[in-house]
Each structure stands twice: as structure tokens, then as C-alpha cells.
N, C-alpha and C. Protein backbone atom coordinates (compact mmCIF):
# COMPACT_ATOMS: atom_id res chain seq x y z
N MET A 1 -126.21 -90.97 38.81
CA MET A 1 -125.86 -89.86 38.08
C MET A 1 -126.44 -90.38 36.34
N LEU A 2 -126.00 -90.96 35.81
CA LEU A 2 -126.15 -92.29 34.72
C LEU A 2 -128.17 -92.24 34.93
N ALA A 3 -128.56 -92.41 36.21
CA ALA A 3 -129.90 -92.68 35.81
C ALA A 3 -130.83 -91.22 35.82
N GLN A 4 -129.71 -90.45 36.37
CA GLN A 4 -130.83 -89.39 36.98
C GLN A 4 -130.45 -88.85 35.00
N ARG A 5 -129.58 -89.01 34.58
CA ARG A 5 -129.27 -88.45 33.20
C ARG A 5 -130.38 -88.51 31.62
N GLY A 6 -130.81 -90.37 32.40
CA GLY A 6 -131.87 -91.04 31.59
C GLY A 6 -130.98 -91.73 30.60
N PHE A 7 -129.92 -92.59 30.88
CA PHE A 7 -129.08 -93.12 30.32
C PHE A 7 -129.62 -94.93 30.90
N LEU A 8 -129.84 -94.65 32.01
CA LEU A 8 -129.77 -95.85 33.17
C LEU A 8 -131.90 -96.26 33.56
N GLY A 9 -131.79 -97.08 33.27
CA GLY A 9 -133.28 -97.43 34.01
C GLY A 9 -133.04 -98.06 35.76
N ARG A 10 -134.03 -97.99 36.60
CA ARG A 10 -133.23 -98.53 37.79
C ARG A 10 -134.47 -99.58 38.38
N ASP A 11 -134.29 -100.26 39.44
CA ASP A 11 -135.08 -101.11 39.77
C ASP A 11 -134.18 -101.68 41.35
N GLY A 12 -135.06 -100.63 42.05
CA GLY A 12 -134.18 -101.07 43.38
C GLY A 12 -132.47 -100.95 43.28
N ASN A 13 -131.86 -101.65 43.61
CA ASN A 13 -130.62 -101.68 43.68
C ASN A 13 -130.08 -102.02 42.16
N LEU A 14 -130.62 -102.41 41.18
CA LEU A 14 -129.72 -102.98 40.06
C LEU A 14 -130.52 -101.94 39.28
N PHE A 15 -129.41 -101.62 38.19
CA PHE A 15 -129.52 -100.59 36.95
C PHE A 15 -129.14 -101.80 35.73
N ARG A 16 -130.21 -100.90 34.59
CA ARG A 16 -130.12 -101.91 32.88
C ARG A 16 -130.33 -100.43 31.99
N TRP A 17 -129.34 -100.70 31.36
CA TRP A 17 -129.56 -99.86 29.83
C TRP A 17 -130.81 -100.16 29.95
N GLN A 18 -131.28 -98.38 29.49
CA GLN A 18 -132.52 -98.55 29.44
C GLN A 18 -132.50 -96.61 28.51
N PRO A 19 -132.21 -96.32 27.92
CA PRO A 19 -132.51 -94.86 27.26
C PRO A 19 -133.27 -94.26 27.46
N LYS A 20 -133.67 -92.72 27.87
CA LYS A 20 -134.97 -92.16 27.97
C LYS A 20 -135.67 -91.63 26.07
N SER A 21 -135.09 -91.64 25.62
CA SER A 21 -135.30 -91.54 24.18
C SER A 21 -134.34 -92.69 23.08
N ALA A 22 -134.76 -92.49 22.07
CA ALA A 22 -134.65 -93.13 20.73
C ALA A 22 -133.10 -92.56 20.39
N GLU A 23 -133.21 -91.23 20.38
CA GLU A 23 -132.39 -90.00 19.95
C GLU A 23 -131.26 -90.76 20.71
N LEU A 24 -131.44 -90.63 22.43
CA LEU A 24 -130.48 -90.92 22.82
C LEU A 24 -129.60 -92.58 22.83
N GLU A 25 -130.09 -93.24 22.56
CA GLU A 25 -129.48 -94.51 22.34
C GLU A 25 -129.18 -94.49 20.82
N LEU A 26 -129.66 -94.10 19.75
CA LEU A 26 -128.76 -93.79 18.70
C LEU A 26 -127.15 -93.21 18.87
N THR A 27 -127.54 -92.25 19.61
CA THR A 27 -126.43 -91.51 19.89
C THR A 27 -124.88 -92.20 20.68
N VAL A 28 -125.62 -93.20 21.67
CA VAL A 28 -124.31 -93.42 22.61
C VAL A 28 -124.26 -94.89 21.43
N ASP A 29 -125.01 -96.01 20.35
CA ASP A 29 -124.27 -96.25 19.67
C ASP A 29 -123.58 -95.41 18.83
N ASP A 30 -123.65 -94.65 18.05
CA ASP A 30 -122.60 -93.92 17.56
C ASP A 30 -121.43 -93.63 17.76
N LEU A 31 -121.41 -93.68 19.25
CA LEU A 31 -120.05 -93.51 20.05
C LEU A 31 -119.35 -94.96 19.73
N ALA A 32 -120.59 -95.83 20.14
CA ALA A 32 -119.74 -96.98 20.61
C ALA A 32 -118.80 -97.88 19.40
N LYS A 33 -119.61 -97.04 17.96
CA LYS A 33 -118.51 -97.40 16.91
C LYS A 33 -117.89 -96.63 16.59
N ALA A 34 -117.73 -95.16 16.66
CA ALA A 34 -116.61 -94.75 16.35
C ALA A 34 -115.44 -95.11 17.73
N TYR A 35 -115.83 -94.98 18.73
CA TYR A 35 -114.79 -95.36 19.49
C TYR A 35 -113.83 -96.87 19.12
N SER A 36 -114.88 -97.82 18.81
CA SER A 36 -114.14 -98.91 18.62
C SER A 36 -113.00 -99.02 17.13
N ARG A 37 -113.53 -97.73 16.15
CA ARG A 37 -112.90 -97.51 14.95
C ARG A 37 -112.08 -96.67 15.38
N HIS A 38 -111.97 -95.82 16.41
CA HIS A 38 -110.66 -94.11 16.53
C HIS A 38 -110.92 -94.22 18.57
N LEU A 39 -110.14 -95.49 18.65
CA LEU A 39 -109.93 -94.94 20.52
C LEU A 39 -109.08 -94.70 20.47
N VAL A 40 -107.78 -94.37 20.16
CA VAL A 40 -106.90 -93.22 20.57
C VAL A 40 -107.30 -92.20 20.17
N GLU A 41 -107.96 -91.70 18.90
CA GLU A 41 -107.96 -90.39 19.01
C GLU A 41 -109.32 -89.55 19.92
N LEU A 42 -110.20 -91.25 19.76
CA LEU A 42 -111.13 -90.27 21.30
C LEU A 42 -110.76 -90.49 22.29
N THR A 43 -109.66 -90.95 22.64
CA THR A 43 -109.04 -91.21 24.56
C THR A 43 -108.80 -90.22 24.37
N GLN A 44 -107.48 -89.69 23.39
CA GLN A 44 -107.17 -88.35 23.74
C GLN A 44 -108.21 -87.14 23.64
N LEU A 45 -108.70 -87.13 22.65
CA LEU A 45 -109.98 -86.07 22.67
C LEU A 45 -110.44 -86.09 24.58
N ILE A 46 -111.07 -87.12 24.84
CA ILE A 46 -111.70 -87.22 26.14
C ILE A 46 -110.95 -86.47 27.41
N HIS A 47 -109.81 -86.75 26.98
CA HIS A 47 -108.76 -86.75 28.08
C HIS A 47 -108.01 -85.29 27.80
N SER A 48 -108.38 -84.36 26.78
CA SER A 48 -107.25 -83.48 27.00
C SER A 48 -108.36 -82.03 27.31
N LYS A 49 -107.92 -81.24 27.45
CA LYS A 49 -107.92 -80.14 28.07
C LYS A 49 -108.34 -79.24 27.37
N PRO A 50 -109.62 -78.46 26.72
CA PRO A 50 -110.19 -77.72 25.98
C PRO A 50 -108.98 -76.07 25.39
N ALA A 51 -108.71 -75.88 24.39
CA ALA A 51 -108.18 -74.66 24.27
C ALA A 51 -109.05 -73.49 24.82
N ALA A 52 -108.19 -72.66 25.16
CA ALA A 52 -108.90 -71.43 25.81
C ALA A 52 -109.79 -70.92 25.25
N GLY A 53 -109.97 -70.79 23.56
CA GLY A 53 -110.70 -70.14 22.95
C GLY A 53 -111.97 -70.98 22.85
N VAL A 54 -111.40 -72.17 22.75
CA VAL A 54 -113.47 -73.33 22.62
C VAL A 54 -113.82 -72.63 24.13
N ARG A 55 -112.98 -72.95 25.41
CA ARG A 55 -113.57 -72.39 26.54
C ARG A 55 -114.44 -71.57 26.81
N GLU A 56 -113.91 -69.72 26.37
CA GLU A 56 -114.29 -69.19 26.19
C GLU A 56 -115.46 -68.78 25.27
N PHE A 57 -115.52 -69.45 24.25
CA PHE A 57 -116.17 -69.59 23.40
C PHE A 57 -117.96 -70.21 24.12
N ALA A 58 -116.99 -71.54 24.52
CA ALA A 58 -118.60 -72.55 25.54
C ALA A 58 -118.77 -71.35 26.33
N ASP A 59 -117.95 -70.61 27.12
CA ASP A 59 -118.76 -69.69 28.13
C ASP A 59 -119.75 -68.62 27.81
N ALA A 60 -120.02 -68.62 26.64
CA ALA A 60 -120.69 -67.70 26.49
C ALA A 60 -122.02 -68.00 25.92
N PHE A 61 -122.26 -69.08 26.06
CA PHE A 61 -123.84 -69.27 25.96
C PHE A 61 -124.18 -69.71 27.41
N ARG A 62 -123.54 -69.16 28.59
CA ARG A 62 -123.65 -69.44 29.39
C ARG A 62 -124.94 -68.84 30.17
N LEU A 63 -125.85 -68.90 30.84
CA LEU A 63 -126.94 -67.88 31.45
C LEU A 63 -126.20 -67.43 32.61
N ARG A 64 -126.19 -65.77 33.24
CA ARG A 64 -125.96 -65.70 34.11
C ARG A 64 -126.85 -64.04 34.21
N ARG A 65 -126.97 -65.10 35.65
CA ARG A 65 -127.92 -63.96 36.24
C ARG A 65 -127.13 -62.31 36.25
N GLU A 66 -128.46 -61.00 36.45
CA GLU A 66 -127.62 -59.74 35.94
C GLU A 66 -127.93 -59.06 37.80
N LYS A 67 -127.00 -58.22 38.02
CA LYS A 67 -126.72 -58.43 39.22
C LYS A 67 -126.99 -56.66 39.44
């Protein structure tokens, strides 16, 4: 899954860090820095359930086929 999304390169059964863009590499680097400084807060955010309002807002941007 990480290889399909452009995080990893694959050579046979071996995988290596190979981001598909400089932007992705910078984003992951920024996340790693934030994680090292704010471990508890980021862990709570990752594992928390989104508020209903946030989910409804995100769902508004989903494309749906008209019937």
C-alpha cells in the first residue's frame, strides 16, 4: 500500500524509502519532526474519532453519482 501511494520504491521483495515527489518527502520530514516534539498530541489525534461535524464536512466533498 505504501509503495502504491508513492512512499516506497520496490525492487523484487525489497522496499526502500523513495517518495514520488519532493513535496511528499518534505511533508513526511515535517511530520517526523512534529511527531518527535508532540508525540502524545499527535498520537491522540491519530487515534481519536472525528467529531460528527468534521465527518459531515468531509463527506460534503465526496463525489457521488447521480441516480
